[in-house]
Amino acid sequence: VVSTGTNSSKGGVDVLVVAAKKDRIEERTMVIEH
C-alpha cells in the first residue's frame, strides 16, 4: 500500500503490485540453499 495519503480522502487504495517470475525466485533460493 502506498502510504502517501494523497488519495485517502477519496475512499480507495493506492497500491504497488509486484509480480516476480516463479522460476527466478526458485533459482535464487536454490543458489542460497546450496
Full PDB file with SEQRES, HELIX, SHEET, SSBOND, CRYST1, ORIGX, SCALE, CONECT and MASTER records, all heavy atoms in Angstrom:
SEQRES   1 A   34  VAL VAL SER THR GLY THR ASN SER SER LYS GLY GLY VAL          
SEQRES   2 A   34  ASP VAL LEU VAL VAL ALA ALA LYS LYS ASP ARG ILE GLU          
SEQRES   3 A   34  GLU ARG THR MET VAL ILE GLU HIS                              
HELIX    1 AA1 SER A    8  LYS A   10  5                                   3    
HELIX    2 AA2 LYS A   22  GLU A   33  1                                  12    
CRYST1    1.000    1.000    1.000  90.00  90.00  90.00 P 1           1          
ORIGX1      1.000000  0.000000  0.000000        0.00000                         
ORIGX2      0.000000  1.000000  0.000000        0.00000                         
ORIGX3      0.000000  0.000000  1.000000        0.00000                         
SCALE1      1.000000  0.000000  0.000000        0.00000                         
SCALE2      0.000000  1.000000  0.000000        0.00000                         
SCALE3      0.000000  0.000000  1.000000        0.00000                         
ATOM      1  N   VAL A   1       0.855  -1.189   0.000  1.00  0.00           N  
ATOM      2  CA  VAL A   1       0.000   0.000   0.000  1.00  0.00           C  
ATOM      3  C   VAL A   1       0.888   1.236   0.000  1.00  0.00           C  
ATOM      4  O   VAL A   1       1.819   1.350   0.795  1.00  0.00           O  
ATOM      5  CB  VAL A   1      -0.932   0.009   1.226  1.00  0.00           C  
ATOM      6  CG1 VAL A   1      -1.743   1.303   1.272  1.00  0.00           C  
ATOM      7  CG2 VAL A   1      -1.857  -1.197   1.194  1.00  0.00           C  
ATOM      8  N   VAL A   2       0.632   2.160  -0.917  1.00  0.00           N  
ATOM      9  CA  VAL A   2       1.380   3.415  -0.960  1.00  0.00           C  
ATOM     10  C   VAL A   2       0.854   4.310   0.154  1.00  0.00           C  
ATOM     11  O   VAL A   2      -0.346   4.624   0.187  1.00  0.00           O  
ATOM     12  CB  VAL A   2       1.229   4.106  -2.330  1.00  0.00           C  
ATOM     13  CG1 VAL A   2       1.944   5.446  -2.338  1.00  0.00           C  
ATOM     14  CG2 VAL A   2       1.772   3.201  -3.433  1.00  0.00           C  
ATOM     15  N   SER A   3       1.716   4.698   1.031  1.00  0.00           N  
ATOM     16  CA  SER A   3       1.284   5.378   2.258  1.00  0.00           C  
ATOM     17  C   SER A   3       1.424   6.893   2.208  1.00  0.00           C  
ATOM     18  O   SER A   3       1.577   7.531   3.240  1.00  0.00           O  
ATOM     19  CB  SER A   3       2.076   4.845   3.448  1.00  0.00           C  
ATOM     20  OG  SER A   3       3.466   5.007   3.249  1.00  0.00           O  
ATOM     21  N   THR A   4       1.383   7.469   0.981  1.00  0.00           N  
ATOM     22  CA  THR A   4       1.499   8.920   0.896  1.00  0.00           C  
ATOM     23  C   THR A   4       0.243   9.627   1.394  1.00  0.00           C  
ATOM     24  O   THR A   4       0.290  10.788   1.790  1.00  0.00           O  
ATOM     25  CB  THR A   4       1.755   9.348  -0.558  1.00  0.00           C  
ATOM     26  OG1 THR A   4       0.679   8.871  -1.381  1.00  0.00           O  
ATOM     27  CG2 THR A   4       3.058   8.763  -1.057  1.00  0.00           C  
ATOM     28  N   GLY A   5      -0.904   8.952   1.320  1.00  0.00           N  
ATOM     29  CA  GLY A   5      -2.160   9.563   1.771  1.00  0.00           C  
ATOM     30  C   GLY A   5      -2.746  10.547   0.791  1.00  0.00           C  
ATOM     31  O   GLY A   5      -3.719  11.236   1.099  1.00  0.00           O  
ATOM     32  N   THR A   6      -2.188  10.624  -0.428  1.00  0.00           N  
ATOM     33  CA  THR A   6      -2.650  11.638  -1.383  1.00  0.00           C  
ATOM     34  C   THR A   6      -4.082  11.395  -1.844  1.00  0.00           C  
ATOM     35  O   THR A   6      -4.783  12.327  -2.215  1.00  0.00           O  
ATOM     36  CB  THR A   6      -1.729  11.675  -2.608  1.00  0.00           C  
ATOM     37  OG1 THR A   6      -1.619  10.343  -3.141  1.00  0.00           O  
ATOM     38  CG2 THR A   6      -0.354  12.168  -2.222  1.00  0.00           C  
ATOM     39  N   ASN A   7      -4.514  10.141  -1.852  1.00  0.00           N  
ATOM     40  CA  ASN A   7      -5.853   9.831  -2.357  1.00  0.00           C  
ATOM     41  C   ASN A   7      -6.793   9.280  -1.283  1.00  0.00           C  
ATOM     42  O   ASN A   7      -7.905   8.881  -1.575  1.00  0.00           O  
ATOM     43  CB  ASN A   7      -5.763   8.808  -3.499  1.00  0.00           C  
ATOM     44  CG  ASN A   7      -5.083   9.370  -4.723  1.00  0.00           C  
ATOM     45  OD1 ASN A   7      -5.441  10.439  -5.175  1.00  0.00           O  
ATOM     46  ND2 ASN A   7      -4.093   8.676  -5.234  1.00  0.00           N  
ATOM     47  N   SER A   8      -6.316   9.212  -0.036  1.00  0.00           N  
ATOM     48  CA  SER A   8      -7.103   8.550   1.003  1.00  0.00           C  
ATOM     49  C   SER A   8      -8.440   9.232   1.251  1.00  0.00           C  
ATOM     50  O   SER A   8      -9.412   8.593   1.608  1.00  0.00           O  
ATOM     51  CB  SER A   8      -6.297   8.506   2.309  1.00  0.00           C  
ATOM     52  OG  SER A   8      -5.974   9.810   2.729  1.00  0.00           O  
ATOM     53  N   SER A   9      -8.537  10.549   1.038  1.00  0.00           N  
ATOM     54  CA  SER A   9      -9.780  11.259   1.300  1.00  0.00           C  
ATOM     55  C   SER A   9     -10.873  10.893   0.291  1.00  0.00           C  
ATOM     56  O   SER A   9     -12.050  11.120   0.534  1.00  0.00           O  
ATOM     57  CB  SER A   9      -9.537  12.771   1.263  1.00  0.00           C  
ATOM     58  OG  SER A   9      -9.088  13.161  -0.024  1.00  0.00           O  
ATOM     59  N   LYS A  10     -10.490  10.293  -0.835  1.00  0.00           N  
ATOM     60  CA  LYS A  10     -11.464   9.937  -1.861  1.00  0.00           C  
ATOM     61  C   LYS A  10     -12.047   8.542  -1.631  1.00  0.00           C  
ATOM     62  O   LYS A  10     -12.915   8.124  -2.369  1.00  0.00           O  
ATOM     63  CB  LYS A  10     -10.810  10.013  -3.245  1.00  0.00           C  
ATOM     64  CG  LYS A  10     -10.293  11.411  -3.592  1.00  0.00           C  
ATOM     65  CD  LYS A  10      -9.644  11.406  -4.962  1.00  0.00           C  
ATOM     66  CE  LYS A  10      -9.098  12.777  -5.316  1.00  0.00           C  
ATOM     67  NZ  LYS A  10      -8.442  12.790  -6.635  1.00  0.00           N  
ATOM     68  N   GLY A  11     -11.517   7.828  -0.646  1.00  0.00           N  
ATOM     69  CA  GLY A  11     -12.005   6.494  -0.377  1.00  0.00           C  
ATOM     70  C   GLY A  11     -11.550   5.504  -1.417  1.00  0.00           C  
ATOM     71  O   GLY A  11     -12.074   5.399  -2.490  1.00  0.00           O  
ATOM     72  N   GLY A  12     -10.556   4.760  -1.189  1.00  0.00           N  
ATOM     73  CA  GLY A  12      -9.960   3.852  -2.152  1.00  0.00           C  
ATOM     74  C   GLY A  12      -8.559   3.537  -1.698  1.00  0.00           C  
ATOM     75  O   GLY A  12      -8.130   3.963  -0.631  1.00  0.00           O  
ATOM     76  N   VAL A  13      -7.826   2.778  -2.498  1.00  0.00           N  
ATOM     77  CA  VAL A  13      -6.492   2.351  -2.110  1.00  0.00           C  
ATOM     78  C   VAL A  13      -5.535   2.518  -3.282  1.00  0.00           C  
ATOM     79  O   VAL A  13      -5.861   2.182  -4.423  1.00  0.00           O  
ATOM     80  CB  VAL A  13      -6.496   0.875  -1.647  1.00  0.00           C  
ATOM     81  CG1 VAL A  13      -5.119   0.468  -1.154  1.00  0.00           C  
ATOM     82  CG2 VAL A  13      -7.519   0.651  -0.545  1.00  0.00           C  
ATOM     83  N   ASP A  14      -4.363   3.046  -2.973  1.00  0.00           N  
ATOM     84  CA  ASP A  14      -3.280   3.229  -3.930  1.00  0.00           C  
ATOM     85  C   ASP A  14      -2.233   2.172  -3.609  1.00  0.00           C  
ATOM     86  O   ASP A  14      -1.685   2.173  -2.503  1.00  0.00           O  
ATOM     87  CB  ASP A  14      -2.702   4.638  -3.756  1.00  0.00           C  
ATOM     88  CG  ASP A  14      -2.004   5.140  -4.994  1.00  0.00           C  
ATOM     89  OD1 ASP A  14      -1.995   4.427  -6.009  1.00  0.00           O  
ATOM     90  OD2 ASP A  14      -1.458   6.252  -4.941  1.00  0.00           O  
ATOM     91  N   VAL A  15      -1.960   1.246  -4.527  1.00  0.00           N  
ATOM     92  CA  VAL A  15      -1.053   0.144  -4.208  1.00  0.00           C  
ATOM     93  C   VAL A  15       0.012  -0.037  -5.284  1.00  0.00           C  
ATOM     94  O   VAL A  15      -0.195   0.311  -6.456  1.00  0.00           O  
ATOM     95  CB  VAL A  15      -1.817  -1.192  -4.045  1.00  0.00           C  
ATOM     96  CG1 VAL A  15      -2.757  -1.148  -2.865  1.00  0.00           C  
ATOM     97  CG2 VAL A  15      -2.571  -1.555  -5.316  1.00  0.00           C  
ATOM     98  N   LEU A  16       1.137  -0.582  -4.861  1.00  0.00           N  
ATOM     99  CA  LEU A  16       2.142  -1.081  -5.780  1.00  0.00           C  
ATOM    100  C   LEU A  16       1.987  -2.584  -5.855  1.00  0.00           C  
ATOM    101  O   LEU A  16       2.081  -3.283  -4.837  1.00  0.00           O  
ATOM    102  CB  LEU A  16       3.557  -0.744  -5.289  1.00  0.00           C  
ATOM    103  CG  LEU A  16       4.041   0.691  -5.415  1.00  0.00           C  
ATOM    104  CD1 LEU A  16       5.469   0.793  -4.911  1.00  0.00           C  
ATOM    105  CD2 LEU A  16       3.970   1.182  -6.846  1.00  0.00           C  
ATOM    106  N   VAL A  17       1.722  -3.089  -7.030  1.00  0.00           N  
ATOM    107  CA  VAL A  17       1.590  -4.528  -7.235  1.00  0.00           C  
ATOM    108  C   VAL A  17       2.902  -5.056  -7.801  1.00  0.00           C  
ATOM    109  O   VAL A  17       3.453  -4.494  -8.755  1.00  0.00           O  
ATOM    110  CB  VAL A  17       0.429  -4.845  -8.190  1.00  0.00           C  
ATOM    111  CG1 VAL A  17       0.349  -6.340  -8.466  1.00  0.00           C  
ATOM    112  CG2 VAL A  17      -0.888  -4.346  -7.612  1.00  0.00           C  
ATOM    113  N   VAL A  18       3.404  -6.124  -7.206  1.00  0.00           N  
ATOM    114  CA  VAL A  18       4.672  -6.718  -7.621  1.00  0.00           C  
ATOM    115  C   VAL A  18       4.426  -8.127  -8.125  1.00  0.00           C  
ATOM    116  O   VAL A  18       3.754  -8.927  -7.454  1.00  0.00           O  
ATOM    117  CB  VAL A  18       5.676  -6.772  -6.448  1.00  0.00           C  
ATOM    118  CG1 VAL A  18       7.019  -7.319  -6.917  1.00  0.00           C  
ATOM    119  CG2 VAL A  18       5.846  -5.396  -5.829  1.00  0.00           C  
ATOM    120  N   ALA A  19       4.965  -8.426  -9.295  1.00  0.00           N  
ATOM    121  CA  ALA A  19       4.891  -9.777  -9.847  1.00  0.00           C  
ATOM    122  C   ALA A  19       6.300 -10.232 -10.194  1.00  0.00           C  
ATOM    123  O   ALA A  19       7.001  -9.573 -10.967  1.00  0.00           O  
ATOM    124  CB  ALA A  19       4.012  -9.806 -11.100  1.00  0.00           C  
ATOM    125  N   ALA A  20       6.731 -11.331  -9.592  1.00  0.00           N  
ATOM    126  CA  ALA A  20       8.067 -11.875  -9.855  1.00  0.00           C  
ATOM    127  C   ALA A  20       7.931 -13.282 -10.423  1.00  0.00           C  
ATOM    128  O   ALA A  20       7.151 -14.102  -9.926  1.00  0.00           O  
ATOM    129  CB  ALA A  20       8.883 -11.905  -8.572  1.00  0.00           C  
ATOM    130  N   LYS A  21       8.711 -13.568 -11.464  1.00  0.00           N  
ATOM    131  CA  LYS A  21       8.645 -14.894 -12.091  1.00  0.00           C  
ATOM    132  C   LYS A  21       9.041 -15.969 -11.086  1.00  0.00           C  
ATOM    133  O   LYS A  21      10.073 -15.863 -10.419  1.00  0.00           O  
ATOM    134  CB  LYS A  21       9.578 -14.948 -13.308  1.00  0.00           C  
ATOM    135  CG  LYS A  21       9.203 -14.012 -14.448  1.00  0.00           C  
ATOM    136  CD  LYS A  21       7.908 -14.411 -15.115  1.00  0.00           C  
ATOM    137  CE  LYS A  21       8.039 -15.668 -15.935  1.00  0.00           C  
ATOM    138  NZ  LYS A  21       8.805 -15.448 -17.179  1.00  0.00           N  
ATOM    139  N   LYS A  22       8.224 -16.989 -10.983  1.00  0.00           N  
ATOM    140  CA  LYS A  22       8.476 -18.054 -10.008  1.00  0.00           C  
ATOM    141  C   LYS A  22       9.791 -18.779 -10.278  1.00  0.00           C  
ATOM    142  O   LYS A  22      10.481 -19.189  -9.341  1.00  0.00           O  
ATOM    143  CB  LYS A  22       7.317 -19.051 -10.027  1.00  0.00           C  
ATOM    144  CG  LYS A  22       6.033 -18.523  -9.425  1.00  0.00           C  
ATOM    145  CD  LYS A  22       4.925 -19.563  -9.487  1.00  0.00           C  
ATOM    146  CE  LYS A  22       3.635 -19.043  -8.872  1.00  0.00           C  
ATOM    147  NZ  LYS A  22       2.532 -20.037  -8.969  1.00  0.00           N  
ATOM    148  N   ASP A  23      10.140 -18.930 -11.561  1.00  0.00           N  
ATOM    149  CA  ASP A  23      11.374 -19.646 -11.849  1.00  0.00           C  
ATOM    150  C   ASP A  23      12.599 -18.870 -11.367  1.00  0.00           C  
ATOM    151  O   ASP A  23      13.590 -19.463 -10.933  1.00  0.00           O  
ATOM    152  CB  ASP A  23      11.484 -19.978 -13.337  1.00  0.00           C  
ATOM    153  CG  ASP A  23      11.418 -18.760 -14.243  1.00  0.00           C  
ATOM    154  OD1 ASP A  23      11.086 -17.662 -13.760  1.00  0.00           O  
ATOM    155  OD2 ASP A  23      11.679 -18.909 -15.460  1.00  0.00           O  
ATOM    156  N   ARG A  24      12.532 -17.525 -11.399  1.00  0.00           N  
ATOM    157  CA  ARG A  24      13.657 -16.731 -10.892  1.00  0.00           C  
ATOM    158  C   ARG A  24      13.722 -16.799  -9.365  1.00  0.00           C  
ATOM    159  O   ARG A  24      14.807 -16.794  -8.795  1.00  0.00           O  
ATOM    160  CB  ARG A  24      13.520 -15.279 -11.358  1.00  0.00           C  
ATOM    161  CG  ARG A  24      13.729 -15.098 -12.843  1.00  0.00           C  
ATOM    162  CD  ARG A  24      15.168 -15.426 -13.235  1.00  0.00           C  
ATOM    163  NE  ARG A  24      15.357 -15.414 -14.666  1.00  0.00           N  
ATOM    164  CZ  ARG A  24      15.617 -14.315 -15.378  1.00  0.00           C  
ATOM    165  NH1 ARG A  24      15.695 -13.144 -14.774  1.00  0.00           N  
ATOM    166  NH2 ARG A  24      15.784 -14.404 -16.673  1.00  0.00           N  
ATOM    167  N   ILE A  25      12.569 -16.828  -8.712  1.00  0.00           N  
ATOM    168  CA  ILE A  25      12.563 -16.972  -7.254  1.00  0.00           C  
ATOM    169  C   ILE A  25      13.160 -18.321  -6.863  1.00  0.00           C  
ATOM    170  O   ILE A  25      14.012 -18.413  -5.963  1.00  0.00           O  
ATOM    171  CB  ILE A  25      11.135 -16.834  -6.702  1.00  0.00           C  
ATOM    172  CG1 ILE A  25      10.594 -15.429  -6.965  1.00  0.00           C  
ATOM    173  CG2 ILE A  25      11.115 -17.127  -5.197  1.00  0.00           C  
ATOM    174  CD1 ILE A  25       9.127 -15.269  -6.587  1.00  0.00           C  
ATOM    175  N   GLU A  26      12.736 -19.383  -7.546  1.00  0.00           N  
ATOM    176  CA  GLU A  26      13.257 -20.713  -7.260  1.00  0.00           C  
ATOM    177  C   GLU A  26      14.753 -20.793  -7.538  1.00  0.00           C  
ATOM    178  O   GLU A  26      15.506 -21.428  -6.790  1.00  0.00           O  
ATOM    179  CB  GLU A  26      12.505 -21.744  -8.103  1.00  0.00           C  
ATOM    180  CG  GLU A  26      11.038 -21.895  -7.690  1.00  0.00           C  
ATOM    181  CD  GLU A  26      10.223 -22.685  -8.695  1.00  0.00           C  
ATOM    182  OE1 GLU A  26      10.815 -23.111  -9.724  1.00  0.00           O  
ATOM    183  OE2 GLU A  26       9.019 -22.874  -8.471  1.00  0.00           O  
ATOM    184  N   GLU A  27      15.183 -20.146  -8.596  1.00  0.00           N  
ATOM    185  CA  GLU A  27      16.595 -20.106  -8.963  1.00  0.00           C  
ATOM    186  C   GLU A  27      17.417 -19.444  -7.861  1.00  0.00           C  
ATOM    187  O   GLU A  27      18.470 -19.943  -7.458  1.00  0.00           O  
ATOM    188  CB  GLU A  27      16.721 -19.338 -10.279  1.00  0.00           C  
ATOM    189  CG  GLU A  27      18.077 -19.220 -10.870  1.00  0.00           C  
ATOM    190  CD  GLU A  27      17.996 -18.380 -12.140  1.00  0.00           C  
ATOM    191  OE1 GLU A  27      17.644 -18.936 -13.199  1.00  0.00           O  
ATOM    192  OE2 GLU A  27      18.246 -17.168 -12.063  1.00  0.00           O  
ATOM    193  N   ARG A  28      16.916 -18.322  -7.350  1.00  0.00           N  
ATOM    194  CA  ARG A  28      17.626 -17.591  -6.302  1.00  0.00           C  
ATOM    195  C   ARG A  28      17.658 -18.375  -4.991  1.00  0.00           C  
ATOM    196  O   ARG A  28      18.707 -18.457  -4.330  1.00  0.00           O  
ATOM    197  CB  ARG A  28      16.979 -16.223  -6.104  1.00  0.00           C  
ATOM    198  CG  ARG A  28      17.590 -15.362  -5.006  1.00  0.00           C  
ATOM    199  CD  ARG A  28      19.082 -15.126  -5.191  1.00  0.00           C  
ATOM    200  NE  ARG A  28      19.426 -14.669  -6.508  1.00  0.00           N  
ATOM    201  CZ  ARG A  28      19.389 -13.385  -6.884  1.00  0.00           C  
ATOM    202  NH1 ARG A  28      19.017 -12.452  -6.021  1.00  0.00           N  
ATOM    203  NH2 ARG A  28      19.746 -13.043  -8.108  1.00  0.00           N  
ATOM    204  N   THR A  29      16.530 -18.972  -4.602  1.00  0.00           N  
ATOM    205  CA  THR A  29      16.504 -19.726  -3.353  1.00  0.00           C  
ATOM    206  C   THR A  29      17.409 -20.960  -3.445  1.00  0.00           C  
ATOM    207  O   THR A  29      18.048 -21.346  -2.460  1.00  0.00           O  
ATOM    208  CB  THR A  29      15.069 -20.152  -2.988  1.00  0.00           C  
ATOM    209  OG1 THR A  29      14.507 -20.907  -4.055  1.00  0.00           O  
ATOM    210  CG2 THR A  29      14.200 -18.936  -2.735  1.00  0.00           C  
ATOM    211  N   MET A  30      17.492 -21.569  -4.628  1.00  0.00           N  
ATOM    212  CA  MET A  30      18.357 -22.730  -4.802  1.00  0.00           C  
ATOM    213  C   MET A  30      19.824 -22.358  -4.618  1.00  0.00           C  
ATOM    214  O   MET A  30      20.598 -23.093  -3.982  1.00  0.00           O  
ATOM    215  CB  MET A  30      18.142 -23.338  -6.194  1.00  0.00           C  
ATOM    216  CG  MET A  30      18.865 -24.664  -6.403  1.00  0.00           C  
ATOM    217  SD  MET A  30      18.587 -25.318  -8.076  1.00  0.00           S  
ATOM    218  CE  MET A  30      16.792 -25.453  -8.062  1.00  0.00           C  
ATOM    219  N   VAL A  31      20.220 -21.204  -5.157  1.00  0.00           N  
ATOM    220  CA  VAL A  31      21.604 -20.745  -5.001  1.00  0.00           C  
ATOM    221  C   VAL A  31      21.944 -20.593  -3.521  1.00  0.00           C  
ATOM    222  O   VAL A  31      23.018 -21.010  -3.060  1.00  0.00           O  
ATOM    223  CB  VAL A  31      21.807 -19.408  -5.750  1.00  0.00           C  
ATOM    224  CG1 VAL A  31      23.079 -18.701  -5.278  1.00  0.00           C  
ATOM    225  CG2 VAL A  31      21.878 -19.650  -7.253  1.00  0.00           C  
ATOM    226  N   ILE A  32      21.030 -20.018  -2.773  1.00  0.00           N  
ATOM    227  CA  ILE A  32      21.283 -19.794  -1.349  1.00  0.00           C  
ATOM    228  C   ILE A  32      21.256 -21.105  -0.573  1.00  0.00           C  
ATOM    229  O   ILE A  32      22.097 -21.349   0.308  1.00  0.00           O  
ATOM    230  CB  ILE A  32      20.259 -18.787  -0.791  1.00  0.00           C  
ATOM    231  CG1 ILE A  32      20.489 -17.419  -1.443  1.00  0.00           C  
ATOM    232  CG2 ILE A  32      20.371 -18.673   0.735  1.00  0.00           C  
ATOM    233  CD1 ILE A  32      19.378 -16.437  -1.229  1.00  0.00           C  
ATOM    234  N   GLU A  33      20.310 -21.985  -0.887  1.00  0.00           N  
ATOM    235  CA  GLU A  33      20.247 -23.285  -0.215  1.00  0.00           C  
ATOM    236  C   GLU A  33      21.513 -24.099  -0.460  1.00  0.00           C  
ATOM    237  O   GLU A  33      22.011 -24.776   0.444  1.00  0.00           O  
ATOM    238  CB  GLU A  33      19.028 -24.063  -0.702  1.00  0.00           C  
ATOM    239  CG  GLU A  33      17.719 -23.526  -0.135  1.00  0.00           C  
ATOM    240  CD  GLU A  33      16.501 -24.176  -0.778  1.00  0.00           C  
ATOM    241  OE1 GLU A  33      16.675 -24.811  -1.843  1.00  0.00           O  
ATOM    242  OE2 GLU A  33      15.398 -24.035  -0.217  1.00  0.00           O  
ATOM    243  N   HIS A  34      22.063 -24.026  -1.664  1.00  0.00           N  
ATOM    244  CA  HIS A  34      23.279 -24.769  -1.975  1.00  0.00           C  
ATOM    245  C   HIS A  34      24.498 -24.211  -1.249  1.00  0.00           C  
ATOM    246  O   HIS A  34      25.535 -24.882  -1.196  1.00  0.00           O  
ATOM    247  CB  HIS A  34      23.529 -24.771  -3.487  1.00  0.00           C  
ATOM    248  CG  HIS A  34      22.611 -25.700  -4.231  1.00  0.00           C  
ATOM    249  ND1 HIS A  34      22.624 -25.823  -5.607  1.00  0.00           N  
ATOM    250  CD2 HIS A  34      21.642 -26.547  -3.800  1.00  0.00           C  
ATOM    251  CE1 HIS A  34      21.701 -26.694  -5.982  1.00  0.00           C  
ATOM    252  NE2 HIS A  34      21.097 -27.144  -4.904  1.00  0.00           N  
TER     253      HIS A  34                                                      
MASTER        0    0    0    2    0    0    0    6  252    1    0    3          
END                                                                             
